[in-house]
Amino acid sequence: MFRKLNNKLTLGMSRICTKKPAVCTDEPLSNSNICQKISLLRNILSTAYGPTGRLKQIHNNVGGHVLTTSTSTALLKRVDMSEPLLKMISTAVQHHTTRYSDCGLFMGIFMLGLIENTQKCNLRTVAAAKVYKHLVEECNTYLKGDSCGCKVPVDFTSCDSLIALARSMITSKPACMLNSRETQHISSLITQVFLYSIPCNSCCFGRTVTIGIEGQAVSNSSVFPGLLVDVPQMLEPADLNRLGSGPFKVVLFNVSLSGDISEVGDVILEIHKGVDPEHDLLQQLLKLGEQVVKDKVRLFACQKVVHPILQHYLRKHGVVVIERLGLALMEPFVQITGAQAVASLCSSVPAEAYGMVKEFCFQSCGSRELLQLLPSKDAAVSTMVLCHRNETMLEELKMTCQRAEHVLRLTLREPYALLGGGCTETLLATHITHMNESKAAATAAALCVSQSEFLMAVKAFCSSLQSVALSLEHDGQDCLIDLTFAHRWFSDTYCKTCGCGLVGDRSNLEKTPLNTSYHTFSPVSLESTDRQPRILDSFSAKLNALNVAIEMANFVLDVKYIIKDIN
């Protein structure tokens, strides 16, 4: 029976509290606590930006793994945010990096800077949204146009631009802890695996498998065609020599062959009296072994465990056994061999399930011995072995290399790159400012906003772009902009080129600090130069980051209420 006691319902010894009302926060961006959190997040991201960005260590209050990183993906994934607006911003950045692998910090810094600048200018949300949408459309038109001064084509007849793009990604991740020689070596390897992944006679991309080896010099990192797996127990070079020359027939299983009755699955078994199910299961495994030996299989692979007696039987008949292959290697193994994974041990292996490998051999990689499987056909699969001095550096390097290869793949869809080193941001901001100054009245009228609101929104937009370029400096030096080409410069007398390396310094090139006022001008295009940019950014990634940042900033600025269920 229920009793009512002090506005609480009780049933026996248990007590059910009444539901608490949801907490409603109106005008969240006028809340100083929320604004402080937005400012803090922008500061965290901006101080991690660029080659000299400061590393962040993330750990919880009960111990466990300590993460050292400067990448947006690792930072935002590991930092738990209680504020709904920040959660939404973090999710948007993570979704972008999942699709494009780059420019997450750019997107976060630009978006948060735009929100803060809009608040400082006290702009109406509706007016700001209209102007920002107009400006980002102008950015898209400029960046996609032939006259864009911050876009360079990616030349696939030479590896130089691909290596420069990969090197730019690696140097922007200081937690990788690489010197210039190691950076160049890893950049070349990334370009190599990218080229390996492009198939000759197929429309499907190949795969790159990454193996990390801790405690070895970075210079020991290398790329191998085909697939590298751990050397099976008791396999010796003499065993491979006895097999002769390939190709060799392959069979692949994705079910456990351990012989354990518990591995059969979630089924009801009816066991008759006097029957030993595990013995019968082993007999079925040996029957399977007899078939593959009869079919002249030379490589027997299984995603899971293989029973020791079955392994002994297969080895006795000259079959190489690879067990515990793991789910991650199943797809590249299928690609390289053409085998179909067999999902049952109770039926015979169909002829079409067999695959082939050209040959297999031992490879020494640092402190590890690995077995290399070479494809018999045109399978665009390669293995990148990455070495580094400790676990933290190795994990950051592996993640960076995987993302850099993805960025190179994006160039096949849009074969362009943007100037790095902050030069795209300064040039784009200068172009937008100059373009809208002369036609401010007409554009403001077309957007149904006042001219003063339009000019303030343009200033907020361009200041937010320039703040990304300013975030590249962490050592107290001034960031400069030249008043001819609108490229970003360091205030270092020894610096002879701009941030991207495309423009060389000269005596008549006037410069001014980036965070000060200067006259508007139209950036001059470089007609002809022998210089090649040293620093490049992904065209696809930065263009998407720019657009999503504007969408999210407008969305956040438009939020009037936050309703939070606290039960």
Protein backbone atom coordinates (compact mmCIF):
# COMPACT_ATOMS: atom_id res chain seq x y z
CA MET A 1 0.00 0.00 0.00
CA PHE A 2 1.25 3.54 -0.82
CA ARG A 3 1.59 6.18 1.91
CA LYS A 4 2.17 9.89 1.37
CA LEU A 5 4.82 11.30 3.67
CA ASN A 6 6.38 14.83 3.38
CA ASN A 7 5.44 15.11 -0.32
CA LYS A 8 7.26 11.85 -1.05
CA LEU A 9 5.79 8.53 -2.06
CA THR A 10 7.03 5.49 -0.16
CA LEU A 11 6.51 1.80 -0.78
CA GLY A 12 7.71 -0.34 2.11
CA MET A 13 11.31 0.64 2.82
CA SER A 14 11.92 2.18 -0.64
CA ARG A 15 11.40 5.90 -1.28
CA ILE A 16 10.56 7.56 -4.62
CA CYS A 17 11.28 11.30 -4.80
CA THR A 18 9.08 13.62 -6.75
CA LYS A 19 10.48 14.68 -10.10
CA LYS A 20 12.39 17.95 -10.05
CA PRO A 21 11.49 20.66 -12.56
CA ALA A 22 13.85 21.26 -15.49
CA VAL A 23 16.28 24.17 -15.23
CA CYS A 24 15.74 26.82 -17.89
CA THR A 25 18.46 29.34 -18.80
CA ASP A 26 17.32 32.22 -20.95
CA GLU A 27 19.73 34.22 -23.13
CA PRO A 28 22.67 31.87 -22.36
CA LEU A 29 25.25 34.09 -24.05
CA SER A 30 24.39 36.88 -21.62
CA ASN A 31 25.38 34.54 -18.77
CA SER A 32 28.91 35.45 -17.64
CA ASN A 33 29.65 31.88 -16.50
CA ILE A 34 28.83 30.44 -19.95
CA CYS A 35 30.83 33.19 -21.69
CA GLN A 36 33.84 32.42 -19.48
CA LYS A 37 33.64 28.76 -20.47
CA ILE A 38 33.48 29.68 -24.18
CA SER A 39 36.51 31.94 -23.72
CA LEU A 40 38.36 29.17 -21.87
CA LEU A 41 37.67 26.64 -24.63
CA ARG A 42 38.86 29.11 -27.28
CA ASN A 43 42.03 29.68 -25.24
CA ILE A 44 42.65 25.92 -24.92
CA LEU A 45 42.29 25.41 -28.68
CA SER A 46 44.25 28.51 -29.73
CA THR A 47 47.21 27.73 -27.46
CA ALA A 48 47.40 24.24 -29.02
CA TYR A 49 47.41 25.57 -32.61
CA GLY A 50 50.33 25.27 -35.00
CA PRO A 51 53.89 23.88 -34.95
CA THR A 52 54.78 25.66 -31.69
CA GLY A 53 51.41 24.99 -30.04
CA ARG A 54 51.51 24.10 -26.37
CA LEU A 55 50.83 20.49 -25.42
CA LYS A 56 47.89 19.56 -23.22
CA GLN A 57 47.88 16.76 -20.64
CA ILE A 58 44.50 15.22 -19.91
CA HIS A 59 43.85 12.86 -17.00
CA ASN A 60 41.01 12.15 -14.62
CA ASN A 61 41.01 12.62 -10.86
CA VAL A 62 41.25 8.91 -10.05
CA GLY A 63 44.39 8.19 -12.04
CA GLY A 64 44.61 6.10 -15.17
CA HIS A 65 46.11 6.89 -18.55
CA VAL A 66 47.52 10.40 -19.07
CA LEU A 67 47.05 11.75 -22.59
CA THR A 68 49.52 14.29 -24.00
CA THR A 69 48.32 15.89 -27.23
CA SER A 70 47.62 19.08 -29.16
CA THR A 71 45.11 17.66 -31.67
CA SER A 72 41.47 18.77 -31.55
CA THR A 73 40.17 15.21 -31.95
CA ALA A 74 42.00 13.87 -28.90
CA LEU A 75 41.36 17.00 -26.83
CA LEU A 76 37.62 17.25 -27.40
CA LYS A 77 37.00 13.50 -27.19
CA ARG A 78 38.64 13.23 -23.78
CA VAL A 79 37.38 16.48 -22.18
CA ASP A 80 33.92 16.05 -20.66
CA MET A 81 31.87 19.25 -21.06
CA SER A 82 28.86 19.89 -18.84
CA GLU A 83 27.69 23.01 -20.69
CA PRO A 84 25.20 22.09 -23.49
CA LEU A 85 26.42 24.84 -25.85
CA LEU A 86 30.04 23.70 -25.53
CA LYS A 87 28.99 20.08 -26.02
CA MET A 88 27.28 21.07 -29.26
CA ILE A 89 30.35 23.00 -30.47
CA SER A 90 32.64 20.11 -29.53
CA THR A 91 30.44 17.60 -31.36
CA ALA A 92 30.41 19.75 -34.50
CA VAL A 93 34.22 19.95 -34.56
CA GLN A 94 34.56 16.19 -33.98
CA HIS A 95 32.10 15.41 -36.78
CA HIS A 96 34.13 17.62 -39.11
CA THR A 97 37.45 15.93 -38.24
CA THR A 98 35.86 12.49 -38.63
CA ARG A 99 35.01 13.36 -42.25
CA TYR A 100 38.01 15.50 -43.18
CA SER A 101 40.78 14.63 -40.66
CA ASP A 102 42.15 18.19 -40.54
CA CYS A 103 41.38 21.82 -39.59
CA GLY A 104 39.53 20.98 -36.38
CA LEU A 105 41.46 23.58 -34.36
CA PHE A 106 40.96 26.15 -37.15
CA MET A 107 37.22 25.53 -37.06
CA GLY A 108 37.01 25.76 -33.27
CA ILE A 109 39.12 28.92 -32.94
CA PHE A 110 37.32 30.71 -35.78
CA MET A 111 33.84 29.71 -34.58
CA LEU A 112 34.41 30.67 -30.94
CA GLY A 113 36.17 33.89 -31.95
CA LEU A 114 33.21 34.82 -34.15
CA ILE A 115 30.74 34.22 -31.31
CA GLU A 116 32.80 36.36 -28.94
CA ASN A 117 33.35 39.16 -31.48
CA THR A 118 29.62 39.28 -32.25
CA GLN A 119 28.87 39.63 -28.56
CA LYS A 120 31.49 42.37 -28.13
CA CYS A 121 30.04 44.36 -31.06
CA ASN A 122 26.55 43.94 -29.57
CA LEU A 123 25.24 42.92 -32.98
CA ARG A 124 21.68 41.77 -33.45
CA THR A 125 21.62 38.01 -34.01
CA VAL A 126 19.43 38.25 -37.10
CA ALA A 127 21.65 40.89 -38.69
CA ALA A 128 24.85 39.02 -37.85
CA ALA A 129 23.50 35.74 -39.29
CA LYS A 130 22.49 37.40 -42.58
CA VAL A 131 25.88 39.09 -43.02
CA TYR A 132 27.90 36.01 -42.05
CA LYS A 133 26.00 33.84 -44.54
CA HIS A 134 26.66 36.45 -47.23
CA LEU A 135 30.37 36.64 -46.35
CA VAL A 136 30.90 32.89 -46.32
CA GLU A 137 29.29 32.69 -49.77
CA GLU A 138 31.78 35.29 -50.95
CA CYS A 139 34.59 33.21 -49.40
CA ASN A 140 33.36 30.10 -51.21
CA THR A 141 33.17 31.94 -54.54
CA TYR A 142 36.66 33.36 -54.09
CA LEU A 143 38.30 30.13 -52.90
CA LYS A 144 36.72 28.06 -55.68
CA GLY A 145 37.47 30.65 -58.37
CA ASP A 146 40.43 30.72 -60.74
CA SER A 147 41.66 34.09 -59.43
CA CYS A 148 42.06 32.85 -55.82
CA GLY A 149 45.42 34.03 -54.51
CA CYS A 150 45.68 31.52 -51.65
CA LYS A 151 44.99 28.32 -53.61
CA VAL A 152 47.61 26.21 -55.37
CA PRO A 153 47.04 23.15 -57.59
CA VAL A 154 48.29 19.75 -56.43
CA ASP A 155 50.57 18.35 -59.14
CA PHE A 156 50.25 14.56 -59.26
CA THR A 157 53.14 14.28 -61.74
CA SER A 158 55.45 15.23 -58.87
CA CYS A 159 55.44 14.21 -55.22
CA ASP A 160 56.60 17.63 -53.98
CA SER A 161 53.17 19.12 -53.24
CA LEU A 162 51.93 15.85 -51.69
CA ILE A 163 54.97 15.66 -49.42
CA ALA A 164 54.57 19.36 -48.50
CA LEU A 165 50.92 18.76 -47.56
CA ALA A 166 51.82 15.71 -45.43
CA ARG A 167 54.77 17.55 -43.85
CA SER A 168 52.54 20.50 -42.95
CA MET A 169 50.18 18.21 -41.04
CA ILE A 170 53.03 16.55 -39.15
CA THR A 171 54.78 19.80 -38.20
CA SER A 172 51.47 21.16 -36.88
CA LYS A 173 51.41 18.35 -34.28
CA PRO A 174 54.24 19.12 -31.82
CA ALA A 175 53.40 16.10 -29.64
CA CYS A 176 54.90 13.91 -32.39
CA MET A 177 58.30 15.27 -31.25
CA LEU A 178 60.09 14.94 -34.60
CA ASN A 179 63.16 16.80 -35.83
CA SER A 180 63.37 18.10 -39.40
CA ARG A 181 65.02 14.96 -40.79
CA GLU A 182 62.47 12.67 -39.13
CA THR A 183 59.62 14.88 -40.34
CA GLN A 184 60.83 14.64 -43.93
CA HIS A 185 61.21 10.85 -43.62
CA ILE A 186 57.69 10.34 -42.24
CA SER A 187 56.21 12.75 -44.83
CA SER A 188 57.76 10.67 -47.61
CA LEU A 189 56.34 7.47 -46.08
CA ILE A 190 52.83 8.95 -45.89
CA THR A 191 53.04 9.96 -49.54
CA GLN A 192 54.27 6.47 -50.39
CA VAL A 193 51.37 4.67 -48.67
CA PHE A 194 48.93 7.11 -50.29
CA LEU A 195 50.28 6.21 -53.73
CA TYR A 196 50.18 2.49 -52.84
CA SER A 197 46.49 2.85 -51.91
CA ILE A 198 45.50 4.06 -55.39
CA PRO A 199 44.44 0.95 -57.36
CA CYS A 200 45.37 0.49 -61.01
CA ASN A 201 42.33 -1.50 -62.16
CA SER A 202 39.69 -0.81 -59.54
CA CYS A 203 37.51 2.06 -58.38
CA CYS A 204 37.93 1.12 -54.70
CA PHE A 205 40.70 2.57 -52.57
CA GLY A 206 43.20 0.23 -51.04
CA ARG A 207 44.02 -0.04 -47.36
CA THR A 208 46.95 1.02 -45.23
CA VAL A 209 47.61 -1.00 -42.09
CA THR A 210 49.63 0.82 -39.42
CA ILE A 211 51.86 -1.04 -36.96
CA GLY A 212 53.55 0.80 -34.10
CA ILE A 213 56.86 -0.26 -32.56
CA GLU A 214 57.83 1.48 -29.34
CA GLY A 215 61.42 2.15 -28.25
CA GLN A 216 62.94 2.34 -31.75
CA ALA A 217 64.32 5.31 -33.68
CA VAL A 218 61.88 7.10 -36.01
CA SER A 219 64.33 6.52 -38.87
CA ASN A 220 63.53 2.79 -38.63
CA SER A 221 59.96 3.48 -39.79
CA SER A 222 59.24 2.06 -43.22
CA VAL A 223 56.52 1.03 -45.67
CA PHE A 224 56.01 -2.48 -47.05
CA PRO A 225 53.77 -3.57 -49.90
CA GLY A 226 51.21 -6.14 -48.84
CA LEU A 227 50.23 -7.07 -45.30
CA LEU A 228 52.47 -7.64 -42.28
CA VAL A 229 51.24 -9.89 -39.47
CA ASP A 230 52.86 -11.32 -36.35
CA VAL A 231 54.97 -14.40 -37.08
CA PRO A 232 53.05 -17.53 -36.04
CA GLN A 233 54.52 -19.58 -33.21
CA MET A 234 57.04 -22.27 -34.22
CA LEU A 235 57.30 -20.93 -37.79
CA GLU A 236 60.90 -20.90 -39.01
CA PRO A 237 62.44 -19.60 -42.27
CA ALA A 238 63.16 -23.21 -43.22
CA ASP A 239 59.41 -23.93 -43.15
CA LEU A 240 58.82 -21.26 -45.78
CA ASN A 241 61.72 -22.53 -47.90
CA ARG A 242 60.17 -26.00 -47.99
CA LEU A 243 57.00 -24.55 -49.49
CA GLY A 244 58.84 -23.53 -52.64
CA SER A 245 57.67 -20.69 -54.86
CA GLY A 246 54.14 -19.29 -54.91
CA PRO A 247 51.40 -18.50 -55.45
CA PHE A 248 49.84 -20.26 -52.47
CA LYS A 249 46.23 -21.13 -51.75
CA VAL A 250 44.68 -19.43 -48.69
CA VAL A 251 41.68 -20.12 -46.48
CA LEU A 252 40.27 -17.66 -43.93
CA PHE A 253 37.89 -18.29 -41.00
CA ASN A 254 36.09 -15.64 -38.97
CA VAL A 255 34.75 -18.06 -36.32
CA SER A 256 36.56 -19.57 -33.38
CA LEU A 257 38.25 -22.90 -34.08
CA SER A 258 39.27 -23.40 -30.45
CA GLY A 259 37.09 -26.49 -30.01
CA ASP A 260 35.48 -24.96 -26.91
CA ILE A 261 31.77 -25.78 -26.76
CA SER A 262 31.07 -22.30 -25.32
CA GLU A 263 32.27 -20.77 -28.60
CA VAL A 264 29.47 -22.38 -30.62
CA GLY A 265 27.25 -19.36 -29.97
CA ASP A 266 23.95 -18.48 -28.33
CA VAL A 267 22.10 -21.67 -29.24
CA ILE A 268 20.38 -24.48 -27.39
CA LEU A 269 22.29 -27.76 -27.68
CA GLU A 270 20.64 -31.14 -27.21
CA ILE A 271 23.31 -33.56 -26.02
CA HIS A 272 22.52 -37.28 -25.90
CA LYS A 273 23.71 -39.52 -23.10
CA GLY A 274 27.21 -40.84 -23.58
CA VAL A 275 28.15 -38.19 -26.16
CA ASP A 276 31.23 -36.01 -25.54
CA PRO A 277 30.46 -32.74 -27.40
CA GLU A 278 34.01 -31.37 -27.17
CA HIS A 279 35.47 -34.60 -28.61
CA ASP A 280 32.99 -34.51 -31.47
CA LEU A 281 33.78 -30.85 -32.09
CA LEU A 282 37.50 -31.66 -32.28
CA GLN A 283 36.78 -34.44 -34.77
CA GLN A 284 34.87 -31.92 -36.88
CA LEU A 285 37.86 -29.57 -36.75
CA LEU A 286 40.21 -32.34 -37.87
CA LYS A 287 37.81 -33.21 -40.67
CA LEU A 288 38.02 -29.56 -41.74
CA GLY A 289 41.82 -29.79 -41.57
CA GLU A 290 41.80 -32.89 -43.77
CA GLN A 291 39.77 -31.05 -46.41
CA VAL A 292 42.05 -27.99 -46.60
CA VAL A 293 45.14 -30.23 -46.78
CA LYS A 294 43.48 -32.22 -49.58
CA ASP A 295 42.68 -28.94 -51.37
CA LYS A 296 46.41 -28.00 -51.16
CA VAL A 297 45.96 -24.98 -48.91
CA ARG A 298 49.30 -23.51 -47.79
CA LEU A 299 48.09 -20.63 -45.57
CA PHE A 300 45.38 -21.22 -42.95
CA ALA A 301 44.24 -18.00 -41.22
CA CYS A 302 41.67 -17.48 -38.49
CA GLN A 303 40.35 -14.29 -36.90
CA LYS A 304 40.16 -16.07 -33.54
CA VAL A 305 41.79 -19.05 -31.81
CA VAL A 306 42.75 -22.33 -33.53
CA HIS A 307 42.82 -25.58 -31.48
CA PRO A 308 46.41 -26.74 -30.77
CA ILE A 309 45.72 -30.25 -32.16
CA LEU A 310 44.37 -28.79 -35.41
CA GLN A 311 47.41 -26.50 -35.60
CA HIS A 312 49.76 -29.46 -35.12
CA TYR A 313 47.95 -31.45 -37.81
CA LEU A 314 48.13 -28.59 -40.32
CA ARG A 315 51.81 -27.82 -39.63
CA LYS A 316 52.67 -31.50 -40.03
CA HIS A 317 51.23 -31.28 -43.53
CA GLY A 318 53.16 -28.12 -44.45
CA VAL A 319 50.41 -25.55 -43.82
CA VAL A 320 51.30 -22.16 -42.27
CA VAL A 321 48.78 -21.32 -39.53
CA ILE A 322 47.97 -17.75 -38.49
CA GLU A 323 45.57 -17.44 -35.56
CA ARG A 324 44.19 -14.45 -33.63
CA LEU A 325 44.32 -12.31 -36.76
CA GLY A 326 41.85 -9.86 -35.20
CA LEU A 327 38.89 -7.98 -36.63
CA ALA A 328 40.98 -4.98 -37.79
CA LEU A 329 43.04 -7.12 -40.19
CA MET A 330 40.17 -9.11 -41.66
CA GLU A 331 39.25 -6.60 -44.38
CA PRO A 332 42.83 -5.98 -45.63
CA PHE A 333 43.46 -9.74 -45.51
CA VAL A 334 40.41 -10.33 -47.72
CA GLN A 335 41.56 -7.55 -50.08
CA ILE A 336 45.05 -8.94 -50.44
CA THR A 337 44.08 -12.60 -50.86
CA GLY A 338 40.64 -12.49 -52.47
CA ALA A 339 39.48 -15.11 -49.95
CA GLN A 340 35.95 -15.20 -48.56
CA ALA A 341 35.76 -15.52 -44.79
CA VAL A 342 34.26 -18.89 -43.81
CA ALA A 343 31.77 -18.52 -40.97
CA SER A 344 31.05 -22.20 -40.21
CA LEU A 345 33.12 -25.18 -39.18
CA CYS A 346 30.29 -27.68 -39.63
CA SER A 347 30.28 -27.64 -43.42
CA SER A 348 32.97 -28.08 -46.04
CA VAL A 349 34.83 -25.06 -47.41
CA PRO A 350 33.39 -24.04 -50.80
CA ALA A 351 35.88 -23.75 -53.66
CA GLU A 352 35.09 -20.05 -54.24
CA ALA A 353 36.05 -19.21 -50.63
CA TYR A 354 39.75 -19.91 -51.25
CA GLY A 355 42.13 -17.06 -51.99
CA MET A 356 45.75 -16.71 -53.11
CA VAL A 357 48.94 -14.97 -52.01
CA LYS A 358 51.94 -14.49 -54.24
CA GLU A 359 54.40 -15.35 -51.48
CA PHE A 360 55.21 -14.74 -47.83
CA CYS A 361 58.51 -13.95 -46.19
CA PHE A 362 60.03 -12.74 -42.92
CA GLN A 363 60.66 -9.03 -42.30
CA SER A 364 62.64 -7.58 -39.40
CA CYS A 365 61.11 -4.30 -38.22
CA GLY A 366 63.00 -2.82 -35.30
CA SER A 367 62.64 -5.28 -32.46
CA ARG A 368 59.86 -7.32 -34.09
CA GLU A 369 59.80 -10.16 -36.59
CA LEU A 370 56.80 -10.00 -38.91
CA LEU A 371 55.46 -12.16 -41.72
CA GLN A 372 54.87 -10.29 -44.99
CA LEU A 373 52.06 -11.45 -47.28
CA LEU A 374 52.34 -10.28 -50.88
CA PRO A 375 49.24 -10.14 -53.09
CA SER A 376 48.99 -12.33 -56.20
CA LYS A 377 46.89 -9.70 -57.99
CA ASP A 378 46.60 -5.90 -58.02
CA ALA A 379 45.58 -5.39 -54.39
CA ALA A 380 46.36 -1.85 -53.20
CA VAL A 381 47.26 -2.83 -49.63
CA SER A 382 50.38 -1.73 -47.79
CA THR A 383 51.67 -1.72 -44.22
CA MET A 384 53.31 1.28 -42.58
CA VAL A 385 55.56 0.41 -39.67
CA LEU A 386 56.01 3.44 -37.41
CA CYS A 387 58.71 3.56 -34.75
CA HIS A 388 59.13 6.09 -31.96
CA ARG A 389 60.90 6.51 -28.68
CA ASN A 390 57.94 6.13 -26.30
CA GLU A 391 54.25 5.24 -26.26
CA THR A 392 52.89 8.81 -26.06
CA MET A 393 54.85 10.03 -29.09
CA LEU A 394 54.07 6.85 -31.01
CA GLU A 395 50.29 7.12 -30.49
CA GLU A 396 50.27 10.76 -31.60
CA LEU A 397 52.41 9.91 -34.64
CA LYS A 398 50.13 7.01 -35.65
CA MET A 399 47.00 9.16 -35.45
CA THR A 400 48.67 12.01 -37.35
CA CYS A 401 49.92 9.73 -40.14
CA GLN A 402 46.51 8.12 -40.60
CA ARG A 403 44.85 11.52 -40.84
CA ALA A 404 47.53 12.88 -43.17
CA GLU A 405 46.98 9.99 -45.58
CA HIS A 406 43.24 10.72 -45.54
CA VAL A 407 43.94 14.38 -46.34
CA LEU A 408 46.03 13.30 -49.34
CA ARG A 409 43.12 11.18 -50.53
CA LEU A 410 40.87 14.23 -50.43
CA THR A 411 43.11 15.87 -53.06
CA LEU A 412 41.93 13.29 -55.61
CA ARG A 413 38.43 14.77 -55.34
CA GLU A 414 39.57 18.40 -55.26
CA PRO A 415 43.21 18.64 -56.47
CA TYR A 416 44.06 21.86 -54.64
CA ALA A 417 45.73 22.99 -51.44
CA LEU A 418 45.56 26.26 -49.54
CA LEU A 419 48.55 28.28 -48.38
CA GLY A 420 49.43 27.47 -44.79
CA GLY A 421 51.24 29.38 -42.07
CA GLY A 422 48.30 31.76 -41.56
CA CYS A 423 48.62 33.27 -45.04
CA THR A 424 45.22 32.02 -46.26
CA GLU A 425 43.50 33.59 -43.24
CA THR A 426 45.17 37.00 -43.63
CA LEU A 427 44.72 37.07 -47.40
CA LEU A 428 41.07 36.00 -47.24
CA ALA A 429 40.29 38.54 -44.48
CA THR A 430 41.96 41.33 -46.49
CA HIS A 431 40.07 40.36 -49.66
CA ILE A 432 36.69 40.26 -47.87
CA THR A 433 37.31 43.60 -46.13
CA HIS A 434 38.34 45.38 -49.34
CA MET A 435 35.56 43.79 -51.40
CA ASN A 436 32.78 44.89 -49.03
CA GLU A 437 34.02 48.36 -48.12
CA SER A 438 33.05 50.01 -51.41
CA LYS A 439 29.64 48.35 -51.71
CA ALA A 440 28.63 48.34 -48.05
CA ALA A 441 25.51 50.48 -48.52
CA ALA A 442 24.11 48.43 -51.41
CA THR A 443 24.84 45.07 -49.77
CA ALA A 444 23.41 46.17 -46.42
CA ALA A 445 20.20 47.27 -48.13
CA ALA A 446 19.95 43.96 -49.99
CA LEU A 447 20.36 42.06 -46.70
CA CYS A 448 17.85 44.32 -44.89
CA VAL A 449 20.38 45.43 -42.26
CA SER A 450 21.80 48.84 -41.48
CA GLN A 451 25.12 49.87 -43.00
CA SER A 452 26.74 50.18 -39.58
CA GLU A 453 25.60 46.66 -38.63
CA PHE A 454 26.95 45.34 -41.93
CA LEU A 455 30.37 46.95 -41.43
CA MET A 456 30.57 45.76 -37.82
CA ALA A 457 29.72 42.20 -38.90
CA VAL A 458 32.39 42.32 -41.64
CA LYS A 459 34.92 43.51 -39.06
CA ALA A 460 33.92 40.75 -36.60
CA PHE A 461 34.18 38.12 -39.37
CA CYS A 462 37.59 39.26 -40.60
CA SER A 463 38.96 39.76 -37.07
CA SER A 464 37.95 36.18 -36.27
CA LEU A 465 39.81 34.94 -39.35
CA GLN A 466 42.89 36.94 -38.40
CA SER A 467 42.70 35.61 -34.83
CA VAL A 468 43.40 32.14 -36.24
CA ALA A 469 46.60 33.47 -37.85
CA LEU A 470 47.51 35.21 -34.58
CA SER A 471 47.04 31.89 -32.74
CA LEU A 472 50.06 30.45 -34.57
CA GLU A 473 52.38 32.61 -32.44
CA HIS A 474 53.04 31.40 -28.88
CA ASP A 475 56.42 32.93 -28.03
CA GLY A 476 55.50 36.60 -27.68
CA GLN A 477 56.57 37.75 -31.14
CA ASP A 478 54.40 40.08 -33.21
CA CYS A 479 52.51 38.71 -36.18
CA LEU A 480 52.80 40.97 -39.24
CA ILE A 481 50.91 41.34 -42.49
CA ASP A 482 52.46 42.80 -45.63
CA LEU A 483 50.43 45.52 -47.32
CA THR A 484 50.99 44.17 -50.83
CA PHE A 485 50.27 40.44 -50.89
CA ALA A 486 48.47 40.21 -47.50
CA HIS A 487 50.60 37.29 -46.33
CA ARG A 488 51.44 36.64 -42.68
CA TRP A 489 54.98 37.26 -41.41
CA PHE A 490 56.99 36.81 -38.23
CA SER A 491 58.69 39.84 -36.69
CA ASP A 492 61.97 37.92 -36.85
CA THR A 493 64.80 39.66 -38.72
CA TYR A 494 66.14 36.24 -39.76
CA CYS A 495 62.83 35.24 -41.39
CA LYS A 496 63.22 35.73 -45.15
CA THR A 497 59.85 34.41 -46.29
CA CYS A 498 56.21 34.68 -45.28
CA GLY A 499 54.40 32.06 -43.19
CA CYS A 500 53.70 29.74 -46.14
CA GLY A 501 57.10 30.36 -47.78
CA LEU A 502 55.73 31.59 -51.11
CA VAL A 503 56.64 35.31 -50.78
CA GLY A 504 60.25 36.35 -50.23
CA ASP A 505 61.14 39.39 -48.17
CA ARG A 506 62.27 42.55 -49.93
CA SER A 507 63.24 46.08 -48.88
CA ASN A 508 60.15 47.79 -50.33
CA LEU A 509 57.65 45.36 -48.80
CA GLU A 510 55.76 47.31 -46.14
CA LYS A 511 54.50 45.35 -43.13
CA THR A 512 52.36 46.19 -40.13
CA PRO A 513 51.29 44.30 -36.98
CA LEU A 514 48.31 42.08 -37.69
CA ASN A 515 46.23 43.12 -34.68
CA THR A 516 46.37 46.85 -35.48
CA SER A 517 44.32 48.99 -37.87
CA TYR A 518 45.64 49.62 -41.40
CA HIS A 519 44.20 50.83 -44.67
CA THR A 520 42.21 48.38 -46.74
CA PHE A 521 43.72 47.15 -49.98
CA SER A 522 43.27 44.49 -52.63
CA PRO A 523 45.93 41.76 -52.29
CA VAL A 524 48.27 41.57 -55.28
CA SER A 525 48.49 38.16 -56.95
CA LEU A 526 51.91 36.62 -57.52
CA GLU A 527 52.19 36.44 -61.29
CA SER A 528 55.34 34.35 -61.50
CA THR A 529 57.70 33.04 -58.85
CA ASP A 530 60.25 30.27 -58.58
CA ARG A 531 59.32 29.69 -54.96
CA GLN A 532 57.12 26.83 -53.86
CA PRO A 533 55.05 27.08 -50.66
CA ARG A 534 56.58 25.12 -47.79
CA ILE A 535 53.40 24.99 -45.74
CA LEU A 536 50.09 23.83 -47.23
CA ASP A 537 46.63 23.19 -45.78
CA SER A 538 43.93 20.84 -47.04
CA PHE A 539 41.61 22.70 -49.41
CA SER A 540 38.61 20.41 -48.80
CA ALA A 541 39.05 20.33 -45.02
CA LYS A 542 39.50 24.08 -44.54
CA LEU A 543 36.64 24.98 -46.89
CA ASN A 544 34.25 22.68 -45.00
CA ALA A 545 35.54 23.92 -41.62
CA LEU A 546 34.91 27.51 -42.68
CA ASN A 547 31.32 26.79 -43.70
CA VAL A 548 30.43 24.64 -40.69
CA ALA A 549 31.99 27.20 -38.33
CA ILE A 550 29.67 29.89 -39.70
CA GLU A 551 26.62 27.62 -39.47
CA MET A 552 27.42 26.66 -35.88
CA ALA A 553 28.26 30.23 -34.82
CA ASN A 554 24.93 31.45 -36.19
CA PHE A 555 23.15 28.58 -34.47
CA VAL A 556 24.78 29.26 -31.08
CA LEU A 557 24.10 33.00 -31.36
CA ASP A 558 20.43 32.23 -32.05
CA VAL A 559 19.92 30.03 -28.95
CA LYS A 560 17.49 31.82 -26.61
CA TYR A 561 16.85 29.13 -24.00
CA ILE A 562 18.68 26.10 -22.62
CA ILE A 563 16.32 23.66 -20.93
CA LYS A 564 18.17 21.08 -18.84
CA ASP A 565 16.61 18.04 -17.19
CA ILE A 566 18.41 17.59 -13.85
CA ASN A 567 16.66 14.39 -12.71
